[in-house]
Protein backbone atom coordinates (compact mmCIF):
# COMPACT_ATOMS: atom_id res chain seq x y z
CA MET A 1 69.89 47.40 70.27
CA ALA A 2 66.93 44.98 69.83
CA LYS A 3 65.38 44.78 66.45
CA ASP A 4 61.80 43.80 65.50
CA TYR A 5 62.94 41.93 62.41
CA TYR A 6 65.20 39.22 61.37
CA PHE A 7 64.83 37.94 57.68
CA ASP A 8 63.54 41.00 56.02
CA GLY A 9 64.57 40.55 52.36
CA SER A 10 63.84 38.41 49.51
CA ILE A 11 64.36 34.63 49.89
CA GLY A 12 66.47 32.66 47.36
CA LEU A 13 65.13 29.11 46.25
CA TYR A 14 66.48 26.08 44.89
CA GLU A 15 64.32 23.18 43.63
CA GLY A 16 65.86 19.93 42.60
CA ALA A 17 64.70 17.54 40.11
CA LEU A 18 61.01 16.13 40.23
CA ASP A 19 60.43 12.86 41.82
CA VAL A 20 58.06 10.15 40.67
CA HIS A 21 55.17 12.10 42.13
CA HIS A 22 56.21 15.46 40.37
CA VAL A 23 57.41 17.02 43.69
CA PRO A 24 60.71 18.77 43.55
CA ASN A 25 63.42 17.04 45.68
CA PRO A 26 65.27 18.64 47.44
CA VAL A 27 63.73 22.11 48.17
CA TRP A 28 66.04 24.60 49.88
CA ILE A 29 65.54 28.34 50.68
CA TYR A 30 68.24 30.94 51.30
CA PRO A 31 67.21 33.92 53.47
CA ALA A 32 69.39 36.79 54.34
CA MET A 33 69.19 39.11 57.17
CA ARG A 34 69.55 42.27 55.06
CA ARG A 35 69.32 45.17 57.52
CA GLY A 36 69.04 42.52 60.41
CA GLY A 37 72.67 41.54 60.08
CA ARG A 38 75.66 39.94 58.08
CA THR A 39 74.57 36.37 58.03
CA ILE A 40 73.10 34.11 55.22
CA TYR A 41 71.34 30.91 56.00
CA ALA A 42 70.29 27.84 54.04
CA PHE A 43 67.14 25.66 55.04
CA ASP A 44 66.04 22.54 53.59
CA VAL A 45 62.28 22.75 53.34
CA THR A 46 61.63 19.57 51.19
CA ASP A 47 59.40 18.59 54.07
CA PRO A 48 57.63 21.88 54.83
CA THR A 49 56.45 20.54 58.10
CA SER A 50 59.92 19.91 59.23
CA PRO A 51 62.31 22.55 57.94
CA GLN A 52 66.07 21.83 58.73
CA ILE A 53 69.05 24.26 58.78
CA LYS A 54 71.68 23.20 56.39
CA TRP A 55 74.25 26.00 57.02
CA LYS A 56 74.69 29.66 57.95
CA ALA A 57 77.64 31.70 56.88
CA GLY A 58 78.60 35.37 57.87
CA CYS A 59 79.18 37.26 61.11
CA PRO A 60 77.15 37.53 64.26
CA TYR A 61 77.93 41.12 65.06
CA PRO A 62 77.51 44.54 63.09
CA GLN A 63 80.60 45.90 61.34
CA PRO A 64 83.41 46.48 62.24
CA ASN A 65 83.29 43.67 64.89
CA ASN A 66 84.40 40.46 63.00
CA THR A 67 84.41 38.28 66.22
CA GLY A 68 82.95 34.93 65.49
CA CYS A 69 82.79 35.29 61.78
CA THR A 70 82.67 32.31 59.32
CA ALA A 71 86.22 31.71 57.85
CA GLY A 72 86.60 34.06 54.98
CA MET A 73 83.63 35.97 55.72
CA SER A 74 84.92 38.97 57.71
CA GLY A 75 84.48 41.51 55.07
CA ILE A 76 80.72 40.77 54.64
CA GLY A 77 78.31 43.79 55.02
CA GLN A 78 74.61 43.66 55.47
CA THR A 79 73.29 40.79 53.33
CA TRP A 80 70.92 42.54 50.87
CA SER A 81 71.38 40.53 47.81
CA THR A 82 69.01 37.53 46.90
CA ARG A 83 70.85 34.29 46.58
CA TRP A 84 70.24 32.20 43.43
CA TRP A 85 71.38 28.83 42.38
CA ARG A 86 72.14 27.08 39.06
CA ARG A 87 73.34 23.64 38.18
CA ARG A 88 77.06 23.38 37.37
CA PRO A 89 77.06 21.27 34.23
CA ARG A 90 80.16 19.16 34.92
CA LEU A 91 79.54 18.72 38.70
CA GLN A 92 75.76 18.20 38.57
CA ARG A 93 75.35 20.04 41.84
CA PRO A 94 74.17 23.53 42.72
CA GLY A 95 76.52 26.42 42.85
CA ARG A 96 75.85 29.42 45.04
CA HIS A 97 75.96 32.91 43.73
CA HIS A 98 75.12 36.14 45.40
CA GLY A 99 74.18 39.62 44.01
CA ARG A 100 73.04 40.20 40.40
CA ARG A 101 72.58 37.52 37.75
CA ILE A 102 74.84 38.06 34.85
């Protein structure tokens, strides 16, 4: 069935350290499909005039069809939770988290 929506939930955001012009670098957003599907996306919007897809993970079809799922993601349901990021102290790179902040 065709849907009139795609990304219909809140969008997670990661802003890197400020550059010399006080602009965050990089800037990434993480929209999810929520009721639109079972896939999570990452976009680099550091240059908002030229967004780039970084990755997508999940399944292209509604449950229970797990054909074409990203490895390890066959159990994913609708993607309602907002993604959020934090810096990992020892690795100094962002870590992905889904769901509630604890």
